[in-house]
Amino acid sequence: MQENNFPKAICLVGGDGTGKTAHATKIIEELRVKGKNCRYAWFGQPYLLSYPFMFLCNKLGYTKNHTLPNRIVCQEHQYYKNKALASVWPWIQLFDLSVLVLFRVCVPVWRGTTVVCDRFVHDALVELTADVGDKELYRKRIGRLILALKPSFVFIIRLNVNAQTAFARRNDVPDERFLRVRRDNYQIISSYLKIKTFDAELSFASVHLGIMEYLKVTC
């Protein structure tokens, strides 16, 4: 591997319970041992305009709150029940994601830092697909614009497990159905974009080794 050619940004995508955070942390640890200046970036729920919109939808009754046995409250956005909300929500996400990509990925990279992202715009698109109930969203203009936010220097890696495994690993999701819907959407988008996918059912060590070898080969 040529060190100068190593990815400037690595983004791990995939559903809840696939090990994105653990693998992102491990990648950063390994890169720092090699003397690289790197940082962790989390692409969870975008904020800015998203917060007031979600607050409004919650008040209007388009957010279902699941209170789990452990008392954790999981929110499920059901914007597909309102055509206007379903139309506006993706554009709000596009704006917020644009800001996040600029300041959490592009600016650090321009300053010479390697960025390792936990989730990325692909995850946001998967969630949007579930929120608005449109499995073809990735083919539409708004979906293409969201995917176009990925800078050319970003490497995307998907981690995948079945819904049963993911549910066993998580304590903040209501049921397997919640995870299965999103897993199906990840499969559609990753197949469409030909995203490299790793089977995270395997041991953590073997998956990490596979990721690092893939990054070396593709650089």
N, C-alpha and C. Protein backbone atom coordinates (compact mmCIF):
# COMPACT_ATOMS: atom_id res chain seq x y z
N MET A 1 0.84 -1.21 0.00
CA MET A 1 0.00 0.00 0.00
C MET A 1 0.87 1.25 0.00
N GLN A 2 0.58 2.15 -0.86
CA GLN A 2 1.23 3.44 -0.86
C GLN A 2 0.52 4.35 0.14
N GLU A 3 1.22 4.81 1.14
CA GLU A 3 0.59 5.61 2.20
C GLU A 3 -0.09 6.86 1.64
N ASN A 4 0.52 7.44 0.61
CA ASN A 4 -0.06 8.66 0.05
C ASN A 4 -1.38 8.40 -0.66
N ASN A 5 -1.62 7.13 -1.04
CA ASN A 5 -2.84 6.80 -1.76
C ASN A 5 -3.93 6.25 -0.85
N PHE A 6 -3.64 6.13 0.44
CA PHE A 6 -4.63 5.59 1.35
C PHE A 6 -5.84 6.53 1.38
N PRO A 7 -7.06 5.98 1.50
CA PRO A 7 -8.27 6.82 1.44
C PRO A 7 -8.21 8.00 2.41
N LYS A 8 -8.64 9.15 1.92
CA LYS A 8 -8.70 10.34 2.77
C LYS A 8 -9.93 10.30 3.67
N ALA A 9 -10.94 9.53 3.27
CA ALA A 9 -12.15 9.37 4.08
C ALA A 9 -12.72 7.98 3.86
N ILE A 10 -13.04 7.31 4.96
CA ILE A 10 -13.61 5.96 4.93
C ILE A 10 -14.95 6.02 5.64
N CYS A 11 -16.00 5.62 4.96
CA CYS A 11 -17.34 5.68 5.55
C CYS A 11 -17.93 4.28 5.66
N LEU A 12 -18.27 3.91 6.87
CA LEU A 12 -18.89 2.62 7.13
C LEU A 12 -20.40 2.80 7.19
N VAL A 13 -21.12 2.11 6.34
CA VAL A 13 -22.57 2.21 6.31
C VAL A 13 -23.18 0.84 6.61
N GLY A 14 -24.45 0.85 6.98
CA GLY A 14 -25.13 -0.40 7.29
C GLY A 14 -26.13 -0.18 8.42
N GLY A 15 -26.98 -1.15 8.62
CA GLY A 15 -28.03 -1.02 9.62
C GLY A 15 -27.53 -1.06 11.04
N ASP A 16 -28.42 -0.82 11.98
CA ASP A 16 -28.10 -0.91 13.40
C ASP A 16 -27.65 -2.33 13.73
N GLY A 17 -26.64 -2.42 14.60
CA GLY A 17 -26.19 -3.73 15.05
C GLY A 17 -25.19 -4.41 14.14
N THR A 18 -24.70 -3.70 13.12
CA THR A 18 -23.74 -4.32 12.21
C THR A 18 -22.29 -4.10 12.63
N GLY A 19 -22.05 -3.28 13.64
CA GLY A 19 -20.70 -3.08 14.15
C GLY A 19 -19.96 -1.89 13.57
N LYS A 20 -20.69 -0.94 13.00
CA LYS A 20 -20.04 0.22 12.37
C LYS A 20 -19.16 1.00 13.34
N THR A 21 -19.70 1.29 14.52
CA THR A 21 -18.96 2.10 15.49
C THR A 21 -17.70 1.39 15.95
N ALA A 22 -17.81 0.10 16.25
CA ALA A 22 -16.66 -0.67 16.73
C ALA A 22 -15.58 -0.74 15.65
N HIS A 23 -15.98 -0.95 14.41
CA HIS A 23 -14.99 -1.05 13.33
C HIS A 23 -14.38 0.31 13.02
N ALA A 24 -15.18 1.36 13.08
CA ALA A 24 -14.64 2.71 12.85
C ALA A 24 -13.58 3.03 13.90
N THR A 25 -13.87 2.69 15.15
CA THR A 25 -12.92 2.93 16.24
C THR A 25 -11.64 2.15 16.04
N LYS A 26 -11.77 0.89 15.63
CA LYS A 26 -10.60 0.04 15.40
C LYS A 26 -9.75 0.55 14.24
N ILE A 27 -10.39 1.00 13.18
CA ILE A 27 -9.65 1.55 12.03
C ILE A 27 -8.85 2.77 12.46
N ILE A 28 -9.48 3.64 13.23
CA ILE A 28 -8.80 4.85 13.71
C ILE A 28 -7.61 4.49 14.58
N GLU A 29 -7.78 3.53 15.48
CA GLU A 29 -6.68 3.10 16.35
C GLU A 29 -5.51 2.61 15.52
N GLU A 30 -5.78 1.81 14.50
CA GLU A 30 -4.72 1.25 13.67
C GLU A 30 -4.02 2.34 12.86
N LEU A 31 -4.79 3.27 12.34
CA LEU A 31 -4.18 4.35 11.55
C LEU A 31 -3.32 5.26 12.43
N ARG A 32 -3.76 5.50 13.65
CA ARG A 32 -2.98 6.35 14.54
C ARG A 32 -1.67 5.70 14.94
N VAL A 33 -1.69 4.37 15.10
CA VAL A 33 -0.46 3.65 15.39
C VAL A 33 0.55 3.84 14.25
N LYS A 34 0.01 3.93 13.03
CA LYS A 34 0.87 4.14 11.86
C LYS A 34 1.25 5.60 11.66
N GLY A 35 0.81 6.45 12.61
CA GLY A 35 1.22 7.85 12.56
C GLY A 35 0.31 8.76 11.76
N LYS A 36 -0.86 8.26 11.38
CA LYS A 36 -1.78 9.09 10.59
C LYS A 36 -2.60 10.00 11.50
N ASN A 37 -2.83 11.21 11.02
CA ASN A 37 -3.72 12.14 11.70
C ASN A 37 -5.14 11.83 11.25
N CYS A 38 -5.98 11.33 12.13
CA CYS A 38 -7.32 10.95 11.72
C CYS A 38 -8.34 11.32 12.80
N ARG A 39 -9.60 11.31 12.39
CA ARG A 39 -10.66 11.67 13.32
C ARG A 39 -11.92 10.86 13.01
N TYR A 40 -12.76 10.73 14.02
CA TYR A 40 -14.03 10.01 13.92
C TYR A 40 -15.14 11.01 13.64
N ALA A 41 -16.05 10.65 12.74
CA ALA A 41 -17.20 11.51 12.44
C ALA A 41 -18.46 10.65 12.45
N TRP A 42 -19.46 11.09 13.19
CA TRP A 42 -20.72 10.34 13.27
C TRP A 42 -21.79 11.04 12.43
N PHE A 43 -22.44 10.26 11.58
CA PHE A 43 -23.50 10.78 10.74
C PHE A 43 -24.83 10.17 11.15
N GLY A 44 -25.21 10.47 12.39
CA GLY A 44 -26.52 10.02 12.83
C GLY A 44 -27.58 10.96 12.28
N GLN A 45 -28.64 11.14 13.01
CA GLN A 45 -29.72 12.01 12.55
C GLN A 45 -29.21 13.42 12.29
N PRO A 46 -29.30 13.91 11.05
CA PRO A 46 -28.89 15.30 10.79
C PRO A 46 -29.71 16.29 11.62
N TYR A 47 -29.10 17.38 11.98
CA TYR A 47 -29.82 18.36 12.80
C TYR A 47 -30.18 19.59 11.99
N LEU A 48 -29.95 20.78 12.50
CA LEU A 48 -30.31 22.03 11.85
C LEU A 48 -31.82 22.07 11.54
N LEU A 49 -32.21 22.04 10.29
CA LEU A 49 -33.63 22.14 9.93
C LEU A 49 -34.42 20.89 10.29
N SER A 50 -33.73 19.78 10.48
CA SER A 50 -34.43 18.52 10.79
C SER A 50 -35.14 18.58 12.15
N TYR A 51 -34.51 19.21 13.13
CA TYR A 51 -35.09 19.23 14.47
C TYR A 51 -36.46 19.88 14.53
N PRO A 52 -36.63 21.10 14.04
CA PRO A 52 -37.97 21.70 14.10
C PRO A 52 -38.99 20.92 13.27
N PHE A 53 -38.55 20.35 12.15
CA PHE A 53 -39.48 19.56 11.33
C PHE A 53 -39.93 18.32 12.10
N MET A 54 -39.02 17.61 12.73
CA MET A 54 -39.38 16.41 13.49
C MET A 54 -40.25 16.75 14.69
N PHE A 55 -39.96 17.89 15.31
CA PHE A 55 -40.78 18.32 16.45
C PHE A 55 -42.22 18.56 16.00
N LEU A 56 -42.37 19.24 14.86
CA LEU A 56 -43.70 19.51 14.34
C LEU A 56 -44.43 18.21 14.00
N CYS A 57 -43.74 17.29 13.34
CA CYS A 57 -44.37 16.02 12.95
C CYS A 57 -44.76 15.19 14.16
N ASN A 58 -43.96 15.28 15.20
CA ASN A 58 -44.28 14.57 16.44
C ASN A 58 -45.56 15.13 17.04
N LYS A 59 -45.70 16.45 17.04
CA LYS A 59 -46.90 17.09 17.57
C LYS A 59 -48.13 16.77 16.73
N LEU A 60 -47.92 16.60 15.42
CA LEU A 60 -49.03 16.30 14.51
C LEU A 60 -49.43 14.82 14.53
N GLY A 61 -48.64 14.02 15.23
CA GLY A 61 -48.98 12.61 15.35
C GLY A 61 -48.41 11.71 14.27
N TYR A 62 -47.37 12.16 13.56
CA TYR A 62 -46.78 11.36 12.50
C TYR A 62 -45.48 10.68 12.95
N THR A 63 -45.25 10.67 14.25
CA THR A 63 -44.12 9.94 14.82
C THR A 63 -44.67 8.95 15.84
N LYS A 64 -44.33 7.68 15.66
CA LYS A 64 -44.77 6.64 16.59
C LYS A 64 -43.66 6.39 17.60
N ASN A 65 -43.99 6.57 18.87
CA ASN A 65 -43.01 6.36 19.93
C ASN A 65 -43.18 4.96 20.53
N HIS A 66 -42.14 4.14 20.38
CA HIS A 66 -42.14 2.79 20.95
C HIS A 66 -41.41 2.83 22.28
N THR A 67 -42.11 2.53 23.37
CA THR A 67 -41.46 2.43 24.67
C THR A 67 -41.07 0.97 24.88
N LEU A 68 -39.78 0.70 24.92
CA LEU A 68 -39.27 -0.66 24.99
C LEU A 68 -39.26 -1.15 26.44
N PRO A 69 -39.11 -2.45 26.65
CA PRO A 69 -39.09 -3.00 28.01
C PRO A 69 -38.01 -2.38 28.90
N ASN A 70 -36.91 -1.94 28.30
CA ASN A 70 -35.84 -1.31 29.07
C ASN A 70 -36.06 0.19 29.27
N ARG A 71 -37.27 0.65 28.90
CA ARG A 71 -37.70 2.04 29.08
C ARG A 71 -37.09 3.01 28.05
N ILE A 72 -36.30 2.50 27.12
CA ILE A 72 -35.80 3.33 26.03
C ILE A 72 -36.95 3.62 25.07
N VAL A 73 -37.04 4.87 24.61
CA VAL A 73 -38.08 5.25 23.66
C VAL A 73 -37.48 5.31 22.27
N CYS A 74 -38.01 4.51 21.36
CA CYS A 74 -37.57 4.50 19.96
C CYS A 74 -38.63 5.17 19.11
N GLN A 75 -38.20 6.12 18.30
CA GLN A 75 -39.14 6.84 17.44
C GLN A 75 -39.15 6.27 16.04
N GLU A 76 -40.34 6.10 15.49
CA GLU A 76 -40.50 5.63 14.11
C GLU A 76 -41.27 6.70 13.34
N HIS A 77 -40.60 7.31 12.39
CA HIS A 77 -41.24 8.37 11.60
C HIS A 77 -42.19 7.75 10.58
N GLN A 78 -43.42 8.23 10.57
CA GLN A 78 -44.44 7.71 9.66
C GLN A 78 -44.94 8.84 8.75
N TYR A 79 -43.98 9.52 8.12
CA TYR A 79 -44.32 10.66 7.29
C TYR A 79 -45.02 10.23 6.00
N TYR A 80 -44.94 8.95 5.67
CA TYR A 80 -45.63 8.43 4.48
C TYR A 80 -47.14 8.55 4.59
N LYS A 81 -47.62 8.82 5.80
CA LYS A 81 -49.06 8.99 6.00
C LYS A 81 -49.55 10.37 5.57
N ASN A 82 -48.61 11.28 5.28
CA ASN A 82 -48.95 12.63 4.85
C ASN A 82 -48.11 12.99 3.63
N LYS A 83 -48.74 13.17 2.50
CA LYS A 83 -48.03 13.38 1.24
C LYS A 83 -47.15 14.62 1.28
N ALA A 84 -47.64 15.69 1.89
CA ALA A 84 -46.86 16.93 1.95
C ALA A 84 -45.60 16.76 2.78
N LEU A 85 -45.75 16.13 3.95
CA LEU A 85 -44.59 15.89 4.81
C LEU A 85 -43.58 14.98 4.13
N ALA A 86 -44.09 13.94 3.45
CA ALA A 86 -43.22 13.00 2.76
C ALA A 86 -42.46 13.66 1.62
N SER A 87 -43.03 14.70 1.05
CA SER A 87 -42.38 15.41 -0.06
C SER A 87 -41.30 16.37 0.45
N VAL A 88 -41.56 17.01 1.58
CA VAL A 88 -40.65 18.02 2.11
C VAL A 88 -39.46 17.42 2.85
N TRP A 89 -39.69 16.34 3.57
CA TRP A 89 -38.67 15.75 4.45
C TRP A 89 -37.35 15.45 3.74
N PRO A 90 -37.33 14.80 2.58
CA PRO A 90 -36.05 14.52 1.91
C PRO A 90 -35.26 15.77 1.57
N TRP A 91 -35.93 16.86 1.23
CA TRP A 91 -35.22 18.09 0.88
C TRP A 91 -34.60 18.74 2.11
N ILE A 92 -35.29 18.62 3.24
CA ILE A 92 -34.71 19.12 4.49
C ILE A 92 -33.45 18.33 4.83
N GLN A 93 -33.53 17.02 4.66
CA GLN A 93 -32.38 16.17 4.92
C GLN A 93 -31.22 16.51 3.97
N LEU A 94 -31.54 16.80 2.73
CA LEU A 94 -30.50 17.15 1.76
C LEU A 94 -29.72 18.37 2.23
N PHE A 95 -30.43 19.38 2.71
CA PHE A 95 -29.76 20.59 3.20
C PHE A 95 -28.87 20.27 4.38
N ASP A 96 -29.42 19.57 5.37
CA ASP A 96 -28.65 19.25 6.57
C ASP A 96 -27.43 18.39 6.25
N LEU A 97 -27.62 17.40 5.39
CA LEU A 97 -26.52 16.51 5.03
C LEU A 97 -25.42 17.27 4.29
N SER A 98 -25.80 18.24 3.48
CA SER A 98 -24.81 19.05 2.75
C SER A 98 -23.88 19.76 3.73
N VAL A 99 -24.47 20.29 4.79
CA VAL A 99 -23.68 21.00 5.80
C VAL A 99 -22.77 20.02 6.54
N LEU A 100 -23.31 18.87 6.90
CA LEU A 100 -22.52 17.87 7.64
C LEU A 100 -21.35 17.36 6.81
N VAL A 101 -21.59 17.04 5.54
CA VAL A 101 -20.52 16.54 4.69
C VAL A 101 -19.41 17.59 4.55
N LEU A 102 -19.81 18.83 4.39
CA LEU A 102 -18.82 19.89 4.24
C LEU A 102 -17.93 20.02 5.47
N PHE A 103 -18.56 20.12 6.65
CA PHE A 103 -17.79 20.43 7.85
C PHE A 103 -17.22 19.20 8.57
N ARG A 104 -17.86 18.04 8.41
CA ARG A 104 -17.35 16.85 9.11
C ARG A 104 -16.41 16.01 8.25
N VAL A 105 -16.47 16.20 6.94
CA VAL A 105 -15.62 15.39 6.05
C VAL A 105 -14.70 16.26 5.20
N CYS A 106 -15.28 17.13 4.39
CA CYS A 106 -14.48 17.88 3.42
C CYS A 106 -13.44 18.80 4.07
N VAL A 107 -13.86 19.60 5.03
CA VAL A 107 -12.93 20.54 5.66
C VAL A 107 -11.78 19.82 6.35
N PRO A 108 -12.04 18.78 7.18
CA PRO A 108 -10.92 18.06 7.79
C PRO A 108 -9.98 17.43 6.76
N VAL A 109 -10.53 16.85 5.70
CA VAL A 109 -9.69 16.25 4.66
C VAL A 109 -8.83 17.31 3.98
N TRP A 110 -9.42 18.46 3.69
CA TRP A 110 -8.65 19.55 3.07
C TRP A 110 -7.50 19.99 3.97
N ARG A 111 -7.67 19.79 5.28
CA ARG A 111 -6.63 20.17 6.24
C ARG A 111 -5.64 19.03 6.49
N GLY A 112 -5.79 17.94 5.77
CA GLY A 112 -4.83 16.84 5.89
C GLY A 112 -5.19 15.75 6.87
N THR A 113 -6.44 15.71 7.32
CA THR A 113 -6.87 14.69 8.27
C THR A 113 -7.64 13.57 7.57
N THR A 114 -7.33 12.34 7.94
CA THR A 114 -8.10 11.19 7.43
C THR A 114 -9.36 11.06 8.29
N VAL A 115 -10.51 10.99 7.66
CA VAL A 115 -11.78 10.93 8.38
C VAL A 115 -12.37 9.53 8.26
N VAL A 116 -12.79 8.99 9.39
CA VAL A 116 -13.49 7.70 9.41
C VAL A 116 -14.91 7.97 9.89
N CYS A 117 -15.87 7.73 9.01
CA CYS A 117 -17.26 8.05 9.31
C CYS A 117 -18.04 6.84 9.77
N ASP A 118 -18.80 7.03 10.81
CA ASP A 118 -19.76 6.04 11.31
C ASP A 118 -21.12 6.46 10.76
N ARG A 119 -21.58 5.76 9.69
CA ARG A 119 -22.76 6.14 8.92
C ARG A 119 -22.39 7.25 7.94
N PHE A 120 -23.23 7.37 6.88
CA PHE A 120 -22.99 8.42 5.90
C PHE A 120 -24.30 8.74 5.19
N VAL A 121 -24.24 9.41 4.06
CA VAL A 121 -25.46 9.84 3.37
C VAL A 121 -26.30 8.65 2.93
N HIS A 122 -25.67 7.50 2.70
CA HIS A 122 -26.39 6.30 2.30
C HIS A 122 -27.34 5.84 3.41
N ASP A 123 -26.87 5.94 4.66
CA ASP A 123 -27.71 5.57 5.80
C ASP A 123 -28.90 6.51 5.91
N ALA A 124 -28.64 7.80 5.69
CA ALA A 124 -29.73 8.77 5.74
C ALA A 124 -30.77 8.46 4.67
N LEU A 125 -30.30 8.05 3.49
CA LEU A 125 -31.24 7.73 2.41
C LEU A 125 -32.06 6.49 2.73
N VAL A 126 -31.44 5.53 3.38
CA VAL A 126 -32.17 4.32 3.81
C VAL A 126 -33.26 4.69 4.80
N GLU A 127 -32.93 5.54 5.77
CA GLU A 127 -33.93 5.97 6.75
C GLU A 127 -35.04 6.77 6.08
N LEU A 128 -34.66 7.63 5.16
CA LEU A 128 -35.65 8.42 4.42
C LEU A 128 -36.61 7.52 3.65
N THR A 129 -36.06 6.48 3.04
CA THR A 129 -36.88 5.55 2.28
C THR A 129 -37.96 4.93 3.16
N ALA A 130 -37.58 4.59 4.40
CA ALA A 130 -38.55 4.04 5.34
C ALA A 130 -39.53 5.11 5.83
N ASP A 131 -39.02 6.31 6.07
CA ASP A 131 -39.85 7.40 6.60
C ASP A 131 -40.98 7.78 5.63
N VAL A 132 -40.63 7.84 4.34
CA VAL A 132 -41.61 8.31 3.35
C VAL A 132 -42.27 7.16 2.59
N GLY A 133 -41.82 5.93 2.86
CA GLY A 133 -42.45 4.77 2.25
C GLY A 133 -42.27 4.68 0.74
N ASP A 134 -41.07 5.04 0.27
CA ASP A 134 -40.83 5.03 -1.18
C ASP A 134 -39.52 4.30 -1.47
N LYS A 135 -39.60 3.03 -1.87
CA LYS A 135 -38.41 2.23 -2.14
C LYS A 135 -37.67 2.67 -3.40
N GLU A 136 -38.30 3.51 -4.20
CA GLU A 136 -37.66 4.01 -5.42
C GLU A 136 -37.03 5.39 -5.20
N LEU A 137 -36.97 5.83 -3.97
CA LEU A 137 -36.47 7.18 -3.68
C LEU A 137 -35.06 7.39 -4.22
N TYR A 138 -34.22 6.36 -4.16
CA TYR A 138 -32.84 6.49 -4.60
C TYR A 138 -32.73 6.76 -6.10
N ARG A 139 -33.77 6.43 -6.86
CA ARG A 139 -33.76 6.66 -8.30
C ARG A 139 -34.29 8.06 -8.67
N LYS A 140 -34.98 8.68 -7.74
CA LYS A 140 -35.58 9.97 -8.02
C LYS A 140 -34.56 11.10 -7.83
N ARG A 141 -34.95 12.28 -8.28
CA ARG A 141 -34.01 13.40 -8.27
C ARG A 141 -33.44 13.65 -6.88
N ILE A 142 -34.29 13.67 -5.87
CA ILE A 142 -33.81 13.97 -4.52
C ILE A 142 -32.86 12.88 -4.03
N GLY A 143 -33.16 11.64 -4.35
CA GLY A 143 -32.28 10.55 -3.95
C GLY A 143 -30.93 10.65 -4.62
N ARG A 144 -30.93 10.99 -5.91
CA ARG A 144 -29.67 11.14 -6.64
C ARG A 144 -28.86 12.30 -6.09
N LEU A 145 -29.54 13.38 -5.69
CA LEU A 145 -28.83 14.53 -5.14
C LEU A 145 -28.19 14.18 -3.79
N ILE A 146 -28.89 13.41 -2.99
CA ILE A 146 -28.33 12.99 -1.70
C ILE A 146 -27.10 12.12 -1.91
N LEU A 147 -27.19 11.16 -2.83
CA LEU A 147 -26.05 10.29 -3.11
C LEU A 147 -24.89 11.06 -3.72
N ALA A 148 -25.21 12.13 -4.45
CA ALA A 148 -24.17 12.95 -5.08
C ALA A 148 -23.37 13.76 -4.06
N LEU A 149 -23.81 13.79 -2.81
CA LEU A 149 -23.06 14.49 -1.77
C LEU A 149 -21.77 13.77 -1.41
N LYS A 150 -21.63 12.52 -1.83
CA LYS A 150 -20.41 11.76 -1.54
C LYS A 150 -19.25 12.32 -2.35
N PRO A 151 -18.23 12.85 -1.68
CA PRO A 151 -17.06 13.34 -2.40
C PRO A 151 -16.33 12.19 -3.09
N SER A 152 -15.60 12.50 -4.13
CA SER A 152 -14.91 11.45 -4.90
C SER A 152 -13.85 10.74 -4.07
N PHE A 153 -13.32 11.38 -3.04
CA PHE A 153 -12.25 10.78 -2.26
C PHE A 153 -12.76 9.86 -1.14
N VAL A 154 -14.06 9.70 -1.03
CA VAL A 154 -14.65 8.89 0.04
C VAL A 154 -14.80 7.43 -0.40
N PHE A 155 -14.32 6.51 0.44
CA PHE A 155 -14.53 5.09 0.21
C PHE A 155 -15.70 4.62 1.07
N ILE A 156 -16.65 3.94 0.44
CA ILE A 156 -17.82 3.45 1.15
C ILE A 156 -17.71 1.94 1.36
N ILE A 157 -17.93 1.51 2.59
CA ILE A 157 -17.92 0.08 2.93
C ILE A 157 -19.19 -0.22 3.70
N ARG A 158 -19.90 -1.27 3.29
CA ARG A 158 -21.13 -1.64 3.98
C ARG A 158 -20.90 -2.87 4.85
N LEU A 159 -21.42 -2.83 6.06
CA LEU A 159 -21.43 -3.99 6.95
C LEU A 159 -22.85 -4.53 7.00
N ASN A 160 -22.98 -5.85 6.97
CA ASN A 160 -24.31 -6.45 6.87
C ASN A 160 -24.45 -7.65 7.81
N VAL A 161 -25.58 -7.70 8.51
CA VAL A 161 -25.97 -8.88 9.29
C VAL A 161 -27.46 -9.08 9.07
N ASN A 162 -27.96 -10.27 9.41
CA ASN A 162 -29.39 -10.49 9.26
C ASN A 162 -30.15 -9.80 10.39
N ALA A 163 -31.45 -9.66 10.22
CA ALA A 163 -32.26 -8.91 11.17
C ALA A 163 -32.25 -9.54 12.56
N GLN A 164 -32.20 -10.87 12.63
CA GLN A 164 -32.20 -11.55 13.93
C GLN A 164 -30.94 -11.21 14.72
N THR A 165 -29.79 -11.25 14.03
CA THR A 165 -28.53 -10.92 14.69
C THR A 165 -28.51 -9.47 15.15
N ALA A 166 -28.96 -8.58 14.27
CA ALA A 166 -28.97 -7.15 14.60
C ALA A 166 -29.87 -6.89 15.81
N PHE A 167 -31.03 -7.53 15.83
CA PHE A 167 -31.96 -7.32 16.93
C PHE A 167 -31.38 -7.82 18.25
N ALA A 168 -30.64 -8.92 18.19
CA ALA A 168 -30.02 -9.47 19.40
C ALA A 168 -28.92 -8.55 19.93
N ARG A 169 -28.31 -7.78 19.04
CA ARG A 169 -27.22 -6.89 19.44
C ARG A 169 -27.71 -5.54 19.94
N ARG A 170 -28.94 -5.17 19.62
CA ARG A 170 -29.44 -3.85 19.95
C ARG A 170 -30.50 -3.91 21.04
N ASN A 171 -30.55 -2.86 21.83
CA ASN A 171 -31.59 -2.77 22.86
C ASN A 171 -32.43 -1.51 22.70
N ASP A 172 -32.34 -0.90 21.49
CA ASP A 172 -33.04 0.37 21.29
C ASP A 172 -33.89 0.37 20.02
N VAL A 173 -34.29 -0.82 19.55
CA VAL A 173 -35.18 -0.93 18.40
C VAL A 173 -36.40 -1.75 18.80
N PRO A 174 -37.56 -1.46 18.24
CA PRO A 174 -38.80 -2.12 18.70
C PRO A 174 -38.93 -3.59 18.33
N ASP A 175 -38.48 -3.96 17.13
CA ASP A 175 -38.66 -5.35 16.70
C ASP A 175 -37.80 -5.64 15.47
N GLU A 176 -37.80 -6.91 15.05
CA GLU A 176 -37.02 -7.30 13.88
C GLU A 176 -37.53 -6.66 12.60
N ARG A 177 -38.85 -6.43 12.54
CA ARG A 177 -39.44 -5.81 11.35
C ARG A 177 -38.78 -4.47 11.07
N PHE A 178 -38.59 -3.67 12.11
CA PHE A 178 -37.97 -2.36 12.00
C PHE A 178 -36.61 -2.47 11.32
N LEU A 179 -35.83 -3.48 11.70
CA LEU A 179 -34.50 -3.67 11.14
C LEU A 179 -34.55 -4.30 9.75
N ARG A 180 -35.51 -5.20 9.55
CA ARG A 180 -35.59 -5.91 8.27
C ARG A 180 -35.93 -4.95 7.13
N VAL A 181 -36.84 -4.01 7.38
CA VAL A 181 -37.20 -3.03 6.36
C VAL A 181 -35.97 -2.25 5.93
N ARG A 182 -35.18 -1.83 6.88
CA ARG A 182 -33.99 -1.05 6.57
C ARG A 182 -32.91 -1.90 5.91
N ARG A 183 -32.78 -3.14 6.35
CA ARG A 183 -31.80 -4.04 5.72
C ARG A 183 -32.13 -4.24 4.25
N ASP A 184 -33.39 -4.40 3.95
CA ASP A 184 -33.81 -4.56 2.55
C ASP A 184 -33.46 -3.32 1.72
N ASN A 185 -33.65 -2.14 2.34
CA ASN A 185 -33.32 -0.90 1.63
C ASN A 185 -31.82 -0.75 1.41
N TYR A 186 -31.03 -1.17 2.40
CA TYR A 186 -29.57 -1.15 2.23
C TYR A 186 -29.17 -2.06 1.07
N GLN A 187 -29.81 -3.22 0.98
CA GLN A 187 -29.47 -4.17 -0.06
C GLN A 187 -29.76 -3.59 -1.44
N ILE A 188 -30.89 -2.92 -1.57
CA ILE A 188 -31.25 -2.32 -2.85
C ILE A 188 -30.24 -1.24 -3.26
N ILE A 189 -29.93 -0.35 -2.32
CA ILE A 189 -29.02 0.75 -2.63
C ILE A 189 -27.59 0.27 -2.86
N SER A 190 -27.12 -0.68 -2.04
CA SER A 190 -25.75 -1.17 -2.20
C SER A 190 -25.58 -1.94 -3.50
N SER A 191 -26.62 -2.66 -3.92
CA SER A 191 -26.56 -3.36 -5.20
C SER A 191 -26.55 -2.37 -6.35
N TYR A 192 -27.35 -1.33 -6.23
CA TYR A 192 -27.44 -0.30 -7.26
C TYR A 192 -26.11 0.43 -7.44
N LEU A 193 -25.45 0.71 -6.32
CA LEU A 193 -24.20 1.47 -6.36
C LEU A 193 -22.96 0.57 -6.35
N LYS A 194 -23.18 -0.74 -6.26
CA LYS A 194 -22.07 -1.71 -6.22
C LYS A 194 -21.12 -1.42 -5.06
N ILE A 195 -21.70 -1.23 -3.89
CA ILE A 195 -20.92 -0.95 -2.68
C ILE A 195 -20.33 -2.26 -2.14
N LYS A 196 -19.06 -2.23 -1.79
CA LYS A 196 -18.40 -3.39 -1.21
C LYS A 196 -19.06 -3.71 0.14
N THR A 197 -19.51 -4.96 0.28
CA THR A 197 -20.24 -5.37 1.48
C THR A 197 -19.49 -6.48 2.20
N PHE A 198 -19.37 -6.35 3.51
CA PHE A 198 -18.72 -7.36 4.34
C PHE A 198 -19.76 -8.03 5.23
N ASP A 199 -19.65 -9.33 5.36
CA ASP A 199 -20.55 -10.10 6.20
C ASP A 199 -20.13 -9.96 7.66
N ALA A 200 -20.83 -9.12 8.41
CA ALA A 200 -20.47 -8.86 9.80
C ALA A 200 -20.98 -9.93 10.75
N GLU A 201 -21.52 -11.03 10.20
CA GLU A 201 -21.84 -12.20 11.02
C GLU A 201 -20.55 -12.92 11.42
N LEU A 202 -19.49 -12.69 10.65
CA LEU A 202 -18.20 -13.32 10.93
C LEU A 202 -17.56 -12.64 12.15
N SER A 203 -16.44 -13.17 12.57
CA SER A 203 -15.78 -12.61 13.76
C SER A 203 -15.31 -11.19 13.49
N PHE A 204 -15.26 -10.40 14.54
CA PHE A 204 -14.83 -9.01 14.40
C PHE A 204 -13.45 -8.91 13.78
N ALA A 205 -12.54 -9.78 14.24
CA ALA A 205 -11.16 -9.73 13.75
C ALA A 205 -11.07 -10.01 12.26
N SER A 206 -11.82 -11.00 11.79
CA SER A 206 -11.75 -11.35 10.37
C SER A 206 -12.38 -10.26 9.50
N VAL A 207 -13.46 -9.65 9.99
CA VAL A 207 -14.08 -8.56 9.24
C VAL A 207 -13.15 -7.36 9.16
N HIS A 208 -12.52 -7.03 10.28
CA HIS A 208 -11.59 -5.90 10.29
C HIS A 208 -10.42 -6.16 9.34
N LEU A 209 -9.89 -7.37 9.36
CA LEU A 209 -8.78 -7.71 8.47
C LEU A 209 -9.22 -7.57 7.01
N GLY A 210 -10.43 -8.03 6.72
CA GLY A 210 -10.95 -7.92 5.36
C GLY A 210 -11.09 -6.48 4.91
N ILE A 211 -11.56 -5.62 5.81
CA ILE A 211 -11.71 -4.20 5.50
C ILE A 211 -10.36 -3.57 5.18
N MET A 212 -9.37 -3.83 6.03
CA MET A 212 -8.06 -3.23 5.83
C MET A 212 -7.40 -3.73 4.56
N GLU A 213 -7.56 -5.01 4.26
CA GLU A 213 -6.99 -5.56 3.03
C GLU A 213 -7.69 -4.96 1.80
N TYR A 214 -8.99 -4.77 1.91
CA TYR A 214 -9.73 -4.17 0.80
C TYR A 214 -9.26 -2.75 0.54
N LEU A 215 -9.06 -1.98 1.59
CA LEU A 215 -8.60 -0.61 1.44
C LEU A 215 -7.21 -0.55 0.80
N LYS A 216 -6.35 -1.50 1.17
CA LYS A 216 -5.01 -1.54 0.58
C LYS A 216 -5.06 -1.89 -0.90
N VAL A 217 -5.90 -2.85 -1.24
CA VAL A 217 -5.99 -3.31 -2.63
C VAL A 217 -6.58 -2.25 -3.53
N THR A 218 -7.61 -1.54 -3.03
CA THR A 218 -8.32 -0.59 -3.87
C THR A 218 -7.61 0.75 -3.98
N CYS A 219 -6.61 0.99 -3.17
CA CYS A 219 -5.93 2.29 -3.21
C CYS A 219 -4.93 2.34 -4.35
